[in-house]
Structures are given as structure tokens and as C-alpha cells.
Amino acid sequence: MILSSPASSKNLGIPFCALMMVIKRLILDMKKNLIFLILFLSAVIYALSKLFLQPLRNAIAKLDQLIRDTTYELNTPLSVITMSIEQLDKIDTLKGVY
């Protein structure tokens, strides 16, 4: 029989050895194909993730710009109010000295 061990083969295990060589070659080819498939799928997943995350990155950038603009708009009047209060404090202390 071809699928039996080499000891039971009548012609020194040649059919068994040939079958084992074919099986080993098939396994090697399958490993190469699997590695190629993993690399290919990794590249596809990377490209798709970049594509699908781009709208999210744009939304985050817009939100960041809104926060910067809002912070600037709020700090400007607060700075003016703070400076006015400091000037009033200086005037009050000067009036108290004279």
C-alpha cells in the first residue's frame, strides 16, 4: 500500500518516499502562500484603516481648532477685565497714600 509505513512496502519504500516528498512540497507551498496571504491582508487592512479613520481625524482637527479659537476669544475679554481691575486697585492704593 502507498499510505502504509516504509517497512511494509515491497520495493524499498519508494512509493512511500515519493508520496512523502510530494506532501512535504505541498506543505512548503502552503506555508509560502499563507505568509503571502498574511502580508497581503495586513497591507489591505492598513490601507482601509487609514481610509476609514480619515474622517475621524478631520473631525478631531476641527474640534481642536474650535477649542483654540474659543480659548482665545474667552481669554481676550478676561485679560481686559483683569487689567482693568489691576488698574483700579493701583488707583485705590495711590489715593489711599495721598
N, C-alpha and C. Protein backbone atom coordinates (compact mmCIF):
# COMPACT_ATOMS: atom_id res chain seq x y z
N MET A 1 0.84 -1.19 0.00
CA MET A 1 0.00 0.00 0.00
C MET A 1 0.88 1.25 0.00
N ILE A 2 0.39 2.28 -0.60
CA ILE A 2 1.14 3.53 -0.68
C ILE A 2 1.09 4.29 0.64
N LEU A 3 -0.01 4.26 1.35
CA LEU A 3 -0.16 5.02 2.58
C LEU A 3 0.36 4.30 3.81
N SER A 4 0.90 3.12 3.66
CA SER A 4 1.42 2.39 4.82
C SER A 4 2.85 2.82 5.09
N SER A 5 3.43 2.29 6.14
CA SER A 5 4.79 2.65 6.52
C SER A 5 5.79 2.08 5.51
N PRO A 6 7.03 2.60 5.49
CA PRO A 6 8.02 2.12 4.52
C PRO A 6 8.38 0.65 4.72
N ALA A 7 8.23 0.13 5.90
CA ALA A 7 8.60 -1.26 6.15
C ALA A 7 7.69 -2.22 5.42
N SER A 8 6.43 -1.83 5.21
CA SER A 8 5.50 -2.76 4.57
C SER A 8 5.51 -2.63 3.05
N SER A 9 6.26 -1.68 2.51
CA SER A 9 6.31 -1.52 1.06
C SER A 9 7.23 -2.57 0.46
N LYS A 10 6.87 -3.09 -0.71
CA LYS A 10 7.63 -4.17 -1.32
C LYS A 10 8.88 -3.69 -2.04
N ASN A 11 8.87 -2.46 -2.58
CA ASN A 11 10.04 -2.03 -3.33
C ASN A 11 10.80 -0.93 -2.56
N LEU A 12 11.23 -1.26 -1.37
CA LEU A 12 12.10 -0.46 -0.53
C LEU A 12 11.51 0.90 -0.15
N GLY A 13 10.21 1.03 -0.12
CA GLY A 13 9.57 2.25 0.32
C GLY A 13 9.60 3.38 -0.68
N ILE A 14 9.88 3.11 -1.93
CA ILE A 14 9.97 4.18 -2.92
C ILE A 14 8.64 4.88 -3.12
N PRO A 15 7.50 4.18 -3.24
CA PRO A 15 6.23 4.91 -3.37
C PRO A 15 5.95 5.74 -2.12
N PHE A 16 6.27 5.22 -0.97
CA PHE A 16 6.05 5.95 0.28
C PHE A 16 6.91 7.20 0.34
N CYS A 17 8.18 7.07 -0.06
CA CYS A 17 9.09 8.22 -0.06
C CYS A 17 8.64 9.28 -1.07
N ALA A 18 8.20 8.84 -2.21
CA ALA A 18 7.72 9.79 -3.22
C ALA A 18 6.50 10.54 -2.71
N LEU A 19 5.60 9.81 -2.06
CA LEU A 19 4.40 10.44 -1.50
C LEU A 19 4.79 11.43 -0.41
N MET A 20 5.74 11.09 0.43
CA MET A 20 6.17 11.99 1.50
C MET A 20 6.82 13.24 0.91
N MET A 21 7.58 13.11 -0.16
CA MET A 21 8.19 14.27 -0.80
C MET A 21 7.13 15.19 -1.37
N VAL A 22 6.10 14.61 -1.98
CA VAL A 22 5.01 15.42 -2.53
C VAL A 22 4.28 16.14 -1.41
N ILE A 23 4.03 15.44 -0.30
CA ILE A 23 3.33 16.06 0.83
C ILE A 23 4.17 17.18 1.43
N LYS A 24 5.47 16.96 1.58
CA LYS A 24 6.34 18.00 2.11
C LYS A 24 6.36 19.21 1.20
N ARG A 25 6.39 18.98 -0.11
CA ARG A 25 6.38 20.09 -1.07
C ARG A 25 5.07 20.87 -0.98
N LEU A 26 3.95 20.15 -0.84
CA LEU A 26 2.66 20.81 -0.71
C LEU A 26 2.60 21.65 0.58
N ILE A 27 3.12 21.12 1.66
CA ILE A 27 3.13 21.86 2.93
C ILE A 27 4.00 23.11 2.80
N LEU A 28 5.13 23.00 2.15
CA LEU A 28 6.01 24.15 1.95
C LEU A 28 5.32 25.21 1.10
N ASP A 29 4.65 24.78 0.03
CA ASP A 29 3.92 25.72 -0.81
C ASP A 29 2.79 26.38 -0.03
N MET A 30 2.11 25.62 0.81
CA MET A 30 1.02 26.19 1.61
C MET A 30 1.55 27.22 2.60
N LYS A 31 2.73 26.96 3.19
CA LYS A 31 3.33 27.91 4.12
C LYS A 31 3.68 29.21 3.40
N LYS A 32 4.26 29.09 2.19
CA LYS A 32 4.60 30.28 1.42
C LYS A 32 3.34 31.07 1.07
N ASN A 33 2.31 30.37 0.64
CA ASN A 33 1.06 31.04 0.30
C ASN A 33 0.43 31.70 1.51
N LEU A 34 0.52 31.05 2.66
CA LEU A 34 -0.04 31.61 3.89
C LEU A 34 0.69 32.88 4.29
N ILE A 35 2.01 32.87 4.18
CA ILE A 35 2.80 34.06 4.50
C ILE A 35 2.43 35.20 3.56
N PHE A 36 2.34 34.90 2.27
CA PHE A 36 1.95 35.93 1.30
C PHE A 36 0.55 36.45 1.61
N LEU A 37 -0.37 35.58 1.95
CA LEU A 37 -1.75 35.99 2.26
C LEU A 37 -1.77 36.88 3.49
N ILE A 38 -1.00 36.53 4.51
CA ILE A 38 -0.97 37.35 5.73
C ILE A 38 -0.40 38.74 5.42
N LEU A 39 0.67 38.80 4.65
CA LEU A 39 1.25 40.09 4.28
C LEU A 39 0.29 40.93 3.44
N PHE A 40 -0.36 40.29 2.49
CA PHE A 40 -1.32 40.99 1.64
C PHE A 40 -2.49 41.53 2.45
N LEU A 41 -3.05 40.69 3.32
CA LEU A 41 -4.18 41.13 4.15
C LEU A 41 -3.76 42.23 5.12
N SER A 42 -2.55 42.16 5.63
CA SER A 42 -2.06 43.22 6.51
C SER A 42 -2.00 44.56 5.77
N ALA A 43 -1.52 44.54 4.55
CA ALA A 43 -1.46 45.77 3.75
C ALA A 43 -2.86 46.30 3.46
N VAL A 44 -3.77 45.42 3.13
CA VAL A 44 -5.15 45.85 2.84
C VAL A 44 -5.80 46.43 4.09
N ILE A 45 -5.61 45.78 5.23
CA ILE A 45 -6.19 46.26 6.48
C ILE A 45 -5.60 47.62 6.85
N TYR A 46 -4.30 47.79 6.67
CA TYR A 46 -3.66 49.07 6.97
C TYR A 46 -4.23 50.18 6.08
N ALA A 47 -4.36 49.91 4.79
CA ALA A 47 -4.88 50.92 3.86
C ALA A 47 -6.33 51.27 4.19
N LEU A 48 -7.14 50.27 4.48
CA LEU A 48 -8.54 50.53 4.80
C LEU A 48 -8.69 51.28 6.12
N SER A 49 -7.84 50.97 7.09
CA SER A 49 -7.94 51.68 8.36
C SER A 49 -7.56 53.15 8.18
N LYS A 50 -6.54 53.42 7.35
CA LYS A 50 -6.20 54.82 7.07
C LYS A 50 -7.35 55.53 6.38
N LEU A 51 -8.00 54.84 5.45
CA LEU A 51 -9.10 55.43 4.70
C LEU A 51 -10.30 55.70 5.61
N PHE A 52 -10.65 54.74 6.45
CA PHE A 52 -11.84 54.88 7.28
C PHE A 52 -11.61 55.82 8.47
N LEU A 53 -10.38 55.99 8.92
CA LEU A 53 -10.10 56.86 10.05
C LEU A 53 -9.89 58.32 9.64
N GLN A 54 -9.78 58.59 8.35
CA GLN A 54 -9.54 59.95 7.90
C GLN A 54 -10.66 60.91 8.30
N PRO A 55 -11.95 60.56 8.15
CA PRO A 55 -13.00 61.47 8.62
C PRO A 55 -12.91 61.74 10.13
N LEU A 56 -12.53 60.75 10.88
CA LEU A 56 -12.38 60.94 12.32
C LEU A 56 -11.23 61.90 12.62
N ARG A 57 -10.13 61.77 11.90
CA ARG A 57 -9.01 62.70 12.08
C ARG A 57 -9.42 64.12 11.72
N ASN A 58 -10.20 64.27 10.64
CA ASN A 58 -10.66 65.60 10.24
C ASN A 58 -11.56 66.21 11.31
N ALA A 59 -12.45 65.41 11.88
CA ALA A 59 -13.35 65.91 12.92
C ALA A 59 -12.57 66.32 14.17
N ILE A 60 -11.56 65.55 14.52
CA ILE A 60 -10.73 65.89 15.68
C ILE A 60 -9.97 67.19 15.42
N ALA A 61 -9.46 67.37 14.22
CA ALA A 61 -8.74 68.60 13.88
C ALA A 61 -9.67 69.81 13.95
N LYS A 62 -10.90 69.66 13.45
CA LYS A 62 -11.87 70.77 13.52
C LYS A 62 -12.23 71.09 14.97
N LEU A 63 -12.40 70.07 15.78
CA LEU A 63 -12.71 70.27 17.18
C LEU A 63 -11.55 70.95 17.91
N ASP A 64 -10.34 70.56 17.58
CA ASP A 64 -9.16 71.17 18.18
C ASP A 64 -9.07 72.65 17.81
N GLN A 65 -9.36 72.97 16.55
CA GLN A 65 -9.34 74.36 16.10
C GLN A 65 -10.43 75.17 16.81
N LEU A 66 -11.60 74.58 16.99
CA LEU A 66 -12.69 75.25 17.70
C LEU A 66 -12.29 75.55 19.14
N ILE A 67 -11.64 74.60 19.79
CA ILE A 67 -11.21 74.81 21.17
C ILE A 67 -10.17 75.92 21.25
N ARG A 68 -9.22 75.94 20.30
CA ARG A 68 -8.22 77.01 20.30
C ARG A 68 -8.86 78.37 20.07
N ASP A 69 -9.78 78.44 19.11
CA ASP A 69 -10.45 79.71 18.84
C ASP A 69 -11.27 80.18 20.03
N THR A 70 -12.00 79.26 20.65
CA THR A 70 -12.83 79.60 21.79
C THR A 70 -11.98 80.06 22.96
N THR A 71 -10.88 79.38 23.19
CA THR A 71 -9.99 79.77 24.28
C THR A 71 -9.44 81.18 24.05
N TYR A 72 -9.07 81.47 22.83
CA TYR A 72 -8.56 82.81 22.51
C TYR A 72 -9.64 83.86 22.72
N GLU A 73 -10.85 83.57 22.23
CA GLU A 73 -11.95 84.53 22.36
C GLU A 73 -12.33 84.76 23.82
N LEU A 74 -12.23 83.75 24.65
CA LEU A 74 -12.55 83.91 26.07
C LEU A 74 -11.43 84.60 26.83
N ASN A 75 -10.19 84.34 26.46
CA ASN A 75 -9.06 84.94 27.18
C ASN A 75 -8.92 86.41 26.91
N THR A 76 -9.30 86.89 25.75
CA THR A 76 -9.14 88.30 25.42
C THR A 76 -9.98 89.19 26.34
N PRO A 77 -11.29 88.98 26.49
CA PRO A 77 -12.05 89.83 27.41
C PRO A 77 -11.62 89.64 28.88
N LEU A 78 -11.25 88.43 29.23
CA LEU A 78 -10.81 88.20 30.60
C LEU A 78 -9.53 88.96 30.90
N SER A 79 -8.65 89.04 29.93
CA SER A 79 -7.41 89.80 30.11
C SER A 79 -7.72 91.28 30.30
N VAL A 80 -8.65 91.79 29.52
CA VAL A 80 -9.03 93.20 29.64
C VAL A 80 -9.65 93.47 31.00
N ILE A 81 -10.53 92.58 31.44
CA ILE A 81 -11.17 92.74 32.76
C ILE A 81 -10.12 92.67 33.87
N THR A 82 -9.20 91.72 33.76
CA THR A 82 -8.15 91.58 34.77
C THR A 82 -7.27 92.82 34.82
N MET A 83 -6.90 93.34 33.66
CA MET A 83 -6.07 94.54 33.63
C MET A 83 -6.82 95.74 34.21
N SER A 84 -8.10 95.85 33.93
CA SER A 84 -8.89 96.96 34.47
C SER A 84 -8.97 96.87 35.99
N ILE A 85 -9.16 95.70 36.52
CA ILE A 85 -9.23 95.52 37.97
C ILE A 85 -7.89 95.87 38.61
N GLU A 86 -6.80 95.47 37.96
CA GLU A 86 -5.48 95.80 38.50
C GLU A 86 -5.25 97.31 38.49
N GLN A 87 -5.69 97.98 37.44
CA GLN A 87 -5.55 99.43 37.37
C GLN A 87 -6.39 100.11 38.45
N LEU A 88 -7.61 99.60 38.67
CA LEU A 88 -8.44 100.17 39.73
C LEU A 88 -7.81 99.95 41.10
N ASP A 89 -7.19 98.79 41.31
CA ASP A 89 -6.51 98.54 42.58
C ASP A 89 -5.34 99.51 42.77
N LYS A 90 -4.59 99.76 41.70
CA LYS A 90 -3.47 100.70 41.79
C LYS A 90 -3.97 102.11 42.10
N ILE A 91 -5.05 102.51 41.47
CA ILE A 91 -5.62 103.84 41.71
C ILE A 91 -6.09 103.95 43.15
N ASP A 92 -6.73 102.90 43.66
CA ASP A 92 -7.22 102.91 45.04
C ASP A 92 -6.06 102.99 46.02
N THR A 93 -4.99 102.25 45.77
CA THR A 93 -3.84 102.32 46.69
C THR A 93 -3.15 103.65 46.62
N LEU A 94 -3.07 104.27 45.43
CA LEU A 94 -2.45 105.60 45.30
C LEU A 94 -3.29 106.66 46.00
N LYS A 95 -4.60 106.55 45.89
CA LYS A 95 -5.48 107.53 46.57
C LYS A 95 -5.35 107.38 48.09
N GLY A 96 -5.18 106.15 48.54
CA GLY A 96 -5.02 105.93 49.98
C GLY A 96 -3.71 106.47 50.50
N VAL A 97 -2.67 106.52 49.67
CA VAL A 97 -1.35 107.02 50.08
C VAL A 97 -1.38 108.52 50.25
N TYR A 98 -2.02 109.27 49.36
CA TYR A 98 -2.04 110.73 49.41
C TYR A 98 -2.99 111.18 50.40
